[in-house]
PDB file of N, CA and C in Angstrom:
ATOM      1  N   MET A   1       0.816  -0.805  -0.320  1.00  0.00           N
ATOM      2  CA  MET A   1       0.014  -0.347   0.218  1.00  0.00           C
ATOM      3  C   MET A   1       1.183   1.232  -0.407  1.00  0.00           C
ATOM      4  N   SER A   2       0.279   1.577  -1.094  1.00  0.00           N
ATOM      5  CA  SER A   2       0.772   3.099  -0.705  1.00  0.00           C
ATOM      6  C   SER A   2       1.297   4.409  -0.251  1.00  0.00           C
ATOM      7  N   THR A   3       2.061   5.394   0.004  1.00  0.00           N
ATOM      8  CA  THR A   3       1.116   6.430   1.323  1.00  0.00           C
ATOM      9  C   THR A   3       1.552   7.908   0.108  1.00  0.00           C
ATOM     10  N   PRO A   4      -0.272   8.236   0.764  1.00  0.00           N
ATOM     11  CA  PRO A   4      -0.582   9.198  -0.483  1.00  0.00           C
ATOM     12  C   PRO A   4       0.372  10.500  -0.652  1.00  0.00           C
ATOM     13  N   THR A   5       0.757  11.044  -1.606  1.00  0.00           N
ATOM     14  CA  THR A   5       1.641  12.709  -1.730  1.00  0.00           C
ATOM     15  C   THR A   5       0.538  13.550  -1.704  1.00  0.00           C
ATOM     16  N   PHE A   6       1.104  14.613  -1.055  1.00  0.00           N
ATOM     17  CA  PHE A   6       0.326  16.012  -0.509  1.00  0.00           C
ATOM     18  C   PHE A   6       0.854  17.255  -1.045  1.00  0.00           C
ATOM     19  N   ASP A   7       0.413  17.749  -1.922  1.00  0.00           N
ATOM     20  CA  ASP A   7       1.763  18.784  -2.426  1.00  0.00           C
ATOM     21  C   ASP A   7       0.858  20.051  -2.119  1.00  0.00           C
ATOM     22  N   SER A   8       2.115  20.504  -1.764  1.00  0.00           N
ATOM     23  CA  SER A   8       1.794  22.029  -1.128  1.00  0.00           C
ATOM     24  C   SER A   8       0.983  23.253  -1.375  1.00  0.00           C
ATOM     25  N   ASN A   9       1.097  22.901  -2.928  1.00  0.00           N
ATOM     26  CA  ASN A   9       0.849  24.241  -3.868  1.00  0.00           C
ATOM     27  C   ASN A   9       0.165  23.670  -4.115  1.00  0.00           C
ATOM     28  N   SER A  10      -0.711  22.344  -4.104  1.00  0.00           N
ATOM     29  CA  SER A  10      -1.745  22.534  -4.340  1.00  0.00           C
ATOM     30  C   SER A  10      -3.156  23.188  -4.377  1.00  0.00           C
ATOM     31  N   VAL A  11      -4.117  23.683  -5.903  1.00  0.00           N
ATOM     32  CA  VAL A  11      -5.255  24.469  -5.116  1.00  0.00           C
ATOM     33  C   VAL A  11      -5.969  24.060  -4.422  1.00  0.00           C
ATOM     34  N   GLU A  12      -6.408  22.715  -4.075  1.00  0.00           N
ATOM     35  CA  GLU A  12      -6.836  21.341  -2.720  1.00  0.00           C
ATOM     36  C   GLU A  12      -6.256  22.955  -0.959  1.00  0.00           C
ATOM     37  N   ALA A  13      -4.651  22.253  -1.582  1.00  0.00           N
ATOM     38  CA  ALA A  13      -3.692  22.731   0.310  1.00  0.00           C
ATOM     39  C   ALA A  13      -3.710  24.102  -0.049  1.00  0.00           C
ATOM     40  N   GLN A  14      -4.119  25.205  -1.229  1.00  0.00           N
ATOM     41  CA  GLN A  14      -4.473  26.164  -1.281  1.00  0.00           C
ATOM     42  C   GLN A  14      -5.803  26.624  -0.281  1.00  0.00           C
ATOM     43  N   GLU A  15      -6.958  26.177  -0.609  1.00  0.00           N
ATOM     44  CA  GLU A  15      -7.944  26.404  -0.165  1.00  0.00           C
ATOM     45  C   GLU A  15      -7.638  26.114   1.173  1.00  0.00           C
ATOM     46  N   HIS A  16      -6.899  24.718   2.062  1.00  0.00           N
ATOM     47  CA  HIS A  16      -7.320  24.499   3.096  1.00  0.00           C
ATOM     48  C   HIS A  16      -6.932  25.772   3.964  1.00  0.00           C
ATOM     49  N   ARG A  17      -5.310  26.085   3.613  1.00  0.00           N
ATOM     50  CA  ARG A  17      -5.004  26.902   4.110  1.00  0.00           C
ATOM     51  C   ARG A  17      -6.187  28.102   4.429  1.00  0.00           C
ATOM     52  N   HIS A  18      -6.650  28.963   3.551  1.00  0.00           N
ATOM     53  CA  HIS A  18      -7.237  29.768   3.597  1.00  0.00           C
ATOM     54  C   HIS A  18      -8.348  29.210   3.629  1.00  0.00           C
ATOM     55  N   VAL A  19      -9.092  28.467   4.629  1.00  0.00           N
ATOM     56  CA  VAL A  19      -9.746  27.877   5.897  1.00  0.00           C
ATOM     57  C   VAL A  19      -9.585  28.046   6.760  1.00  0.00           C
ATOM     58  N   LEU A  20      -7.968  27.381   6.909  1.00  0.00           N
ATOM     59  CA  LEU A  20      -8.261  28.091   8.337  1.00  0.00           C
ATOM     60  C   LEU A  20      -7.514  29.030   8.804  1.00  0.00           C
ATOM     61  N   ALA A  21      -6.630  29.309   7.810  1.00  0.00           N
ATOM     62  CA  ALA A  21      -6.469  31.496   8.267  1.00  0.00           C
ATOM     63  C   ALA A  21      -7.853  32.413   8.423  1.00  0.00           C
ATOM     64  N   GLU A  22      -8.450  31.678   7.459  1.00  0.00           N
ATOM     65  CA  GLU A  22     -10.153  32.258   8.554  1.00  0.00           C
ATOM     66  C   GLU A  22     -10.323  31.460  10.379  1.00  0.00           C
ATOM     67  N   TRP A  23     -10.855  30.867   9.604  1.00  0.00           N
ATOM     68  CA  TRP A  23     -11.034  30.286  10.961  1.00  0.00           C
ATOM     69  C   TRP A  23     -10.146  31.228  12.743  1.00  0.00           C
ATOM     70  N   LEU A  24      -8.871  31.165  12.160  1.00  0.00           N
ATOM     71  CA  LEU A  24      -8.066  31.943  12.662  1.00  0.00           C
ATOM     72  C   LEU A  24      -8.511  33.553  13.378  1.00  0.00           C
ATOM     73  N   ASN A  25      -8.449  33.466  12.509  1.00  0.00           N
ATOM     74  CA  ASN A  25      -9.447  35.388  12.348  1.00  0.00           C
ATOM     75  C   ASN A  25      -9.985  35.325  13.184  1.00  0.00           C
ATOM     76  N   ALA A  26     -11.069  34.303  13.235  1.00  0.00           N
ATOM     77  CA  ALA A  26     -12.309  34.419  13.260  1.00  0.00           C
ATOM     78  C   ALA A  26     -11.801  33.949  15.062  1.00  0.00           C
ATOM     79  N   VAL A  27     -11.535  33.164  15.012  1.00  0.00           N
ATOM     80  CA  VAL A  27     -11.187  33.205  16.662  1.00  0.00           C
ATOM     81  C   VAL A  27     -10.488  34.439  16.916  1.00  0.00           C
ATOM     82  N   THR A  28      -9.228  34.579  17.043  1.00  0.00           N
ATOM     83  CA  THR A  28      -8.480  35.766  17.706  1.00  0.00           C
ATOM     84  C   THR A  28      -9.034  37.001  17.523  1.00  0.00           C
ATOM     85  N   GLU A  29     -10.410  37.954  16.813  1.00  0.00           N
ATOM     86  CA  GLU A  29     -11.118  38.771  16.729  1.00  0.00           C
ATOM     87  C   GLU A  29     -12.703  38.364  17.924  1.00  0.00           C
ATOM     88  N   TYR A  30     -13.129  37.251  18.420  1.00  0.00           N
ATOM     89  CA  TYR A  30     -13.782  37.017  19.060  1.00  0.00           C
ATOM     90  C   TYR A  30     -13.270  36.895  20.812  1.00  0.00           C
ATOM     91  N   ASP A  31     -11.805  36.538  20.954  1.00  0.00           N
ATOM     92  CA  ASP A  31     -10.651  36.483  21.582  1.00  0.00           C
ATOM     93  C   ASP A  31     -11.250  37.795  22.347  1.00  0.00           C
ATOM     94  N   GLU A  32     -11.073  39.099  21.405  1.00  0.00           N
ATOM     95  CA  GLU A  32     -11.182  40.532  21.250  1.00  0.00           C
ATOM     96  C   GLU A  32     -12.393  41.430  21.158  1.00  0.00           C
ATOM     97  N   THR A  33     -13.322  40.102  21.144  1.00  0.00           N
ATOM     98  CA  THR A  33     -14.545  41.360  21.524  1.00  0.00           C
ATOM     99  C   THR A  33     -15.385  41.459  20.144  1.00  0.00           C
ATOM    100  N   VAL A  34     -14.917  40.813  19.223  1.00  0.00           N
ATOM    101  CA  VAL A  34     -15.710  41.696  18.634  1.00  0.00           C
ATOM    102  C   VAL A  34     -16.775  40.972  17.873  1.00  0.00           C
ATOM    103  N   GLN A  35     -17.656  41.852  17.504  1.00  0.00           N
ATOM    104  CA  GLN A  35     -19.198  42.008  17.709  1.00  0.00           C
ATOM    105  C   GLN A  35     -19.668  41.163  16.518  1.00  0.00           C
ATOM    106  N   GLY A  36     -18.614  40.633  14.492  1.00  0.00           N
ATOM    107  CA  GLY A  36     -18.502  40.303  13.647  1.00  0.00           C
ATOM    108  C   GLY A  36     -18.083  41.330  12.677  1.00  0.00           C
ATOM    109  N   TYR A  37     -17.720  40.323  12.058  1.00  0.00           N
ATOM    110  CA  TYR A  37     -16.504  41.132  10.749  1.00  0.00           C
ATOM    111  C   TYR A  37     -17.536  40.533   9.910  1.00  0.00           C
ATOM    112  N   PHE A  38     -17.052  40.953   8.304  1.00  0.00           N
ATOM    113  CA  PHE A  38     -17.199  41.244   6.888  1.00  0.00           C
ATOM    114  C   PHE A  38     -16.256  40.893   6.100  1.00  0.00           C
ATOM    115  N   LYS A  39     -16.483  39.457   5.600  1.00  0.00           N
ATOM    116  CA  LYS A  39     -15.443  39.004   4.097  1.00  0.00           C
ATOM    117  C   LYS A  39     -15.553  40.395   3.711  1.00  0.00           C
ATOM    118  N   LYS A  40     -14.231  40.250   2.662  1.00  0.00           N
ATOM    119  CA  LYS A  40     -14.110  40.629   1.771  1.00  0.00           C
ATOM    120  C   LYS A  40     -14.046  40.136   0.530  1.00  0.00           C
ATOM    121  N   PRO A  41     -15.375  40.748  -0.158  1.00  0.00           N
ATOM    122  CA  PRO A  41     -15.450  39.883  -1.439  1.00  0.00           C
ATOM    123  C   PRO A  41     -14.718  40.209  -2.650  1.00  0.00           C
ATOM    124  N   TYR A  42     -15.048  39.986  -3.607  1.00  0.00           N
ATOM    125  CA  TYR A  42     -14.217  39.574  -4.817  1.00  0.00           C
ATOM    126  C   TYR A  42     -14.144  40.449  -6.246  1.00  0.00           C
ATOM    127  N   SER A  43     -15.449  40.519  -5.871  1.00  0.00           N
ATOM    128  CA  SER A  43     -15.311  42.364  -6.968  1.00  0.00           C
ATOM    129  C   SER A  43     -15.910  42.638  -6.570  1.00  0.00           C
ATOM    130  N   TYR A  44     -15.491  44.662  -7.708  1.00  0.00           N
ATOM    131  CA  TYR A  44     -16.204  46.262  -7.065  1.00  0.00           C
ATOM    132  C   TYR A  44     -17.211  46.230  -7.008  1.00  0.00           C
ATOM    133  N   ILE A  45     -17.658  45.690  -7.406  1.00  0.00           N
ATOM    134  CA  ILE A  45     -19.702  45.616  -7.168  1.00  0.00           C
ATOM    135  C   ILE A  45     -19.589  45.520  -5.659  1.00  0.00           C
ATOM    136  N   GLU A  46     -19.791  44.016  -6.179  1.00  0.00           N
ATOM    137  CA  GLU A  46     -20.324  43.351  -4.415  1.00  0.00           C
ATOM    138  C   GLU A  46     -19.550  44.617  -3.258  1.00  0.00           C
ATOM    139  N   LEU A  47     -18.057  45.244  -3.525  1.00  0.00           N
ATOM    140  CA  LEU A  47     -17.348  45.925  -2.244  1.00  0.00           C
ATOM    141  C   LEU A  47     -18.171  46.694  -2.344  1.00  0.00           C
ATOM    142  N   LYS A  48     -18.493  47.939  -3.168  1.00  0.00           N
ATOM    143  CA  LYS A  48     -18.639  49.074  -3.553  1.00  0.00           C
ATOM    144  C   LYS A  48     -20.053  48.807  -2.546  1.00  0.00           C
ATOM    145  N   GLN A  49     -21.588  47.496  -2.710  1.00  0.00           N
ATOM    146  CA  GLN A  49     -22.309  47.359  -2.419  1.00  0.00           C
ATOM    147  C   GLN A  49     -22.009  46.261  -0.569  1.00  0.00           C
ATOM    148  N   GLN A  50     -21.149  46.335   0.140  1.00  0.00           N
ATOM    149  CA  GLN A  50     -20.225  45.898   0.702  1.00  0.00           C
ATOM    150  C   GLN A  50     -19.938  46.692   2.286  1.00  0.00           C
ATOM    151  N   ILE A  51     -19.683  47.914   1.317  1.00  0.00           N
ATOM    152  CA  ILE A  51     -19.094  49.484   1.295  1.00  0.00           C
ATOM    153  C   ILE A  51     -20.612  50.233   1.637  1.00  0.00           C
ATOM    154  N   LYS A  52     -22.052  49.913   1.157  1.00  0.00           N
ATOM    155  CA  LYS A  52     -23.300  51.102   0.941  1.00  0.00           C
ATOM    156  C   LYS A  52     -23.432  49.802   2.647  1.00  0.00           C
ATOM    157  N   LEU A  53     -23.542  48.698   2.810  1.00  0.00           N
ATOM    158  CA  LEU A  53     -24.362  47.852   3.874  1.00  0.00           C
ATOM    159  C   LEU A  53     -23.237  48.352   5.361  1.00  0.00           C
ATOM    160  N   ILE A  54     -22.074  48.723   4.902  1.00  0.00           N
ATOM    161  CA  ILE A  54     -21.071  48.588   6.231  1.00  0.00           C
ATOM    162  C   ILE A  54     -22.168  49.997   7.007  1.00  0.00           C
ATOM    163  N   ILE A  55     -21.957  51.409   6.105  1.00  0.00           N
ATOM    164  CA  ILE A  55     -22.359  52.997   6.305  1.00  0.00           C
ATOM    165  C   ILE A  55     -23.404  53.035   6.996  1.00  0.00           C
ATOM    166  N   ALA A  56     -24.312  52.094   6.377  1.00  0.00           N
ATOM    167  CA  ALA A  56     -26.141  52.526   7.165  1.00  0.00           C
ATOM    168  C   ALA A  56     -25.539  51.386   8.080  1.00  0.00           C
ATOM    169  N   TYR A  57     -24.822  50.546   8.581  1.00  0.00           N
ATOM    170  CA  TYR A  57     -25.768  49.814   9.554  1.00  0.00           C
ATOM    171  C   TYR A  57     -24.518  51.374  10.735  1.00  0.00           C
ATOM    172  N   TRP A  58     -23.400  51.160  10.710  1.00  0.00           N
ATOM    173  CA  TRP A  58     -23.214  51.724  11.699  1.00  0.00           C
ATOM    174  C   TRP A  58     -24.242  53.196  11.324  1.00  0.00           C
ATOM    175  N   THR A  59     -23.748  53.837  10.739  1.00  0.00           N
ATOM    176  CA  THR A  59     -25.160  55.034  10.872  1.00  0.00           C
ATOM    177  C   THR A  59     -26.279  54.770  11.257  1.00  0.00           C
ATOM    178  N   GLU A  60     -26.396  52.848  11.366  1.00  0.00           N
ATOM    179  CA  GLU A  60     -28.458  53.455  12.671  1.00  0.00           C
ATOM    180  C   GLU A  60     -27.778  52.601  13.429  1.00  0.00           C
ATOM    181  N   CYS A  61     -26.720  52.499  13.776  1.00  0.00           N
ATOM    182  CA  CYS A  61     -26.143  51.166  14.998  1.00  0.00           C
ATOM    183  C   CYS A  61     -26.392  51.601  17.140  1.00  0.00           C
ATOM    184  N   ILE A  62     -26.618  51.251  17.764  1.00  0.00           N
ATOM    185  CA  ILE A  62     -26.610  51.427  18.998  1.00  0.00           C
ATOM    186  C   ILE A  62     -25.025  51.020  19.236  1.00  0.00           C
ATOM    187  N   HIS A  63     -24.060  51.224  20.260  1.00  0.00           N
ATOM    188  CA  HIS A  63     -23.407  50.800  20.952  1.00  0.00           C
ATOM    189  C   HIS A  63     -23.790  50.392  22.097  1.00  0.00           C
ATOM    190  N   PRO A  64     -23.713  49.558  22.931  1.00  0.00           N
ATOM    191  CA  PRO A  64     -23.971  48.656  24.164  1.00  0.00           C
ATOM    192  C   PRO A  64     -23.524  50.842  25.263  1.00  0.00           C
ATOM    193  N   SER A  65     -22.062  50.511  24.645  1.00  0.00           N
ATOM    194  CA  SER A  65     -21.729  51.982  25.537  1.00  0.00           C
ATOM    195  C   SER A  65     -22.002  53.353  25.593  1.00  0.00           C
ATOM    196  N   SER A  66     -22.883  54.332  24.744  1.00  0.00           N
ATOM    197  CA  SER A  66     -22.691  55.061  23.744  1.00  0.00           C
ATOM    198  C   SER A  66     -23.860  55.309  24.917  1.00  0.00           C
ATOM    199  N   ASP A  67     -24.862  56.395  24.138  1.00  0.00           N
ATOM    200  CA  ASP A  67     -25.180  57.364  25.300  1.00  0.00           C
ATOM    201  C   ASP A  67     -26.658  57.116  23.663  1.00  0.00           C
ATOM    202  N   LEU A  68     -27.864  56.824  25.322  1.00  0.00           N
ATOM    203  CA  LEU A  68     -29.196  57.144  24.172  1.00  0.00           C
ATOM    204  C   LEU A  68     -29.802  57.712  24.071  1.00  0.00           C
TER     205      LEU A  68
END
Protein backbone atom coordinates (compact mmCIF):
# COMPACT_ATOMS: atom_id res chain seq x y z
CA MET A 1 0.00 0.00 0.00
CA SER A 2 1.48 3.36 -1.00
CA THR A 3 1.45 6.45 1.15
CA PRO A 4 -0.61 9.28 -0.35
CA THR A 5 1.41 12.31 -1.37
CA PHE A 6 0.45 15.85 -0.51
CA ASP A 7 1.25 18.73 -2.84
CA SER A 8 1.47 21.84 -0.67
CA ASN A 9 1.07 24.04 -3.76
CA SER A 10 -2.11 22.37 -4.98
CA VAL A 11 -5.40 24.24 -5.20
CA GLU A 12 -6.77 21.98 -2.48
CA ALA A 13 -3.89 22.84 -0.14
CA GLN A 14 -4.35 26.54 -0.83
CA GLU A 15 -8.07 26.25 -0.05
CA HIS A 16 -7.29 24.44 3.21
CA ARG A 17 -4.83 27.19 4.20
CA HIS A 18 -7.44 29.84 3.36
CA VAL A 19 -10.12 28.13 5.48
CA LEU A 20 -7.69 27.71 8.37
CA ALA A 21 -6.63 31.37 8.16
CA GLU A 22 -10.27 32.51 8.20
CA TRP A 23 -10.98 30.30 11.20
CA LEU A 24 -7.93 31.61 13.08
CA ASN A 25 -8.95 35.20 12.31
CA ALA A 26 -12.46 34.53 13.59
CA VAL A 27 -11.13 33.00 16.82
CA THR A 28 -8.73 35.92 17.35
CA GLU A 29 -11.47 38.46 16.71
CA TYR A 30 -13.84 36.65 19.06
CA ASP A 31 -11.17 36.72 21.77
CA GLU A 32 -10.85 40.48 21.23
CA THR A 33 -14.66 40.89 21.65
CA VAL A 34 -15.27 41.79 18.03
CA GLN A 35 -19.01 41.69 17.41
CA GLY A 36 -18.70 40.51 13.82
CA TYR A 37 -16.75 40.93 10.64
CA PHE A 38 -17.22 41.12 6.90
CA LYS A 39 -15.42 38.91 4.41
CA LYS A 40 -13.68 40.78 1.63
CA PRO A 41 -15.69 40.38 -1.58
CA TYR A 42 -14.09 39.28 -4.82
CA SER A 43 -15.51 41.90 -7.16
CA TYR A 44 -15.54 45.69 -7.21
CA ILE A 45 -19.35 45.77 -7.45
CA GLU A 46 -19.69 43.53 -4.39
CA LEU A 47 -17.16 45.70 -2.54
CA LYS A 48 -19.19 48.85 -3.28
CA GLN A 49 -22.36 47.15 -2.03
CA GLN A 50 -20.61 45.95 1.09
CA ILE A 51 -19.23 49.41 1.90
CA LYS A 52 -22.73 50.89 1.56
CA LEU A 53 -24.04 48.19 3.90
CA ILE A 54 -21.31 48.88 6.47
CA ILE A 55 -21.96 52.63 6.36
CA ALA A 56 -25.71 52.04 6.77
CA TYR A 57 -25.06 49.69 9.69
CA TRP A 58 -22.83 52.12 11.57
CA THR A 59 -25.18 55.01 10.84
CA GLU A 60 -28.02 53.17 12.61
CA CYS A 61 -26.02 51.19 15.18
CA ILE A 62 -26.37 51.97 18.88
CA HIS A 63 -23.27 50.77 20.67
CA PRO A 64 -23.80 49.36 24.18
CA SER A 65 -21.51 52.01 25.68
CA SER A 66 -23.13 54.94 23.85
CA ASP A 67 -25.68 57.34 25.27
CA LEU A 68 -29.18 56.59 24.02
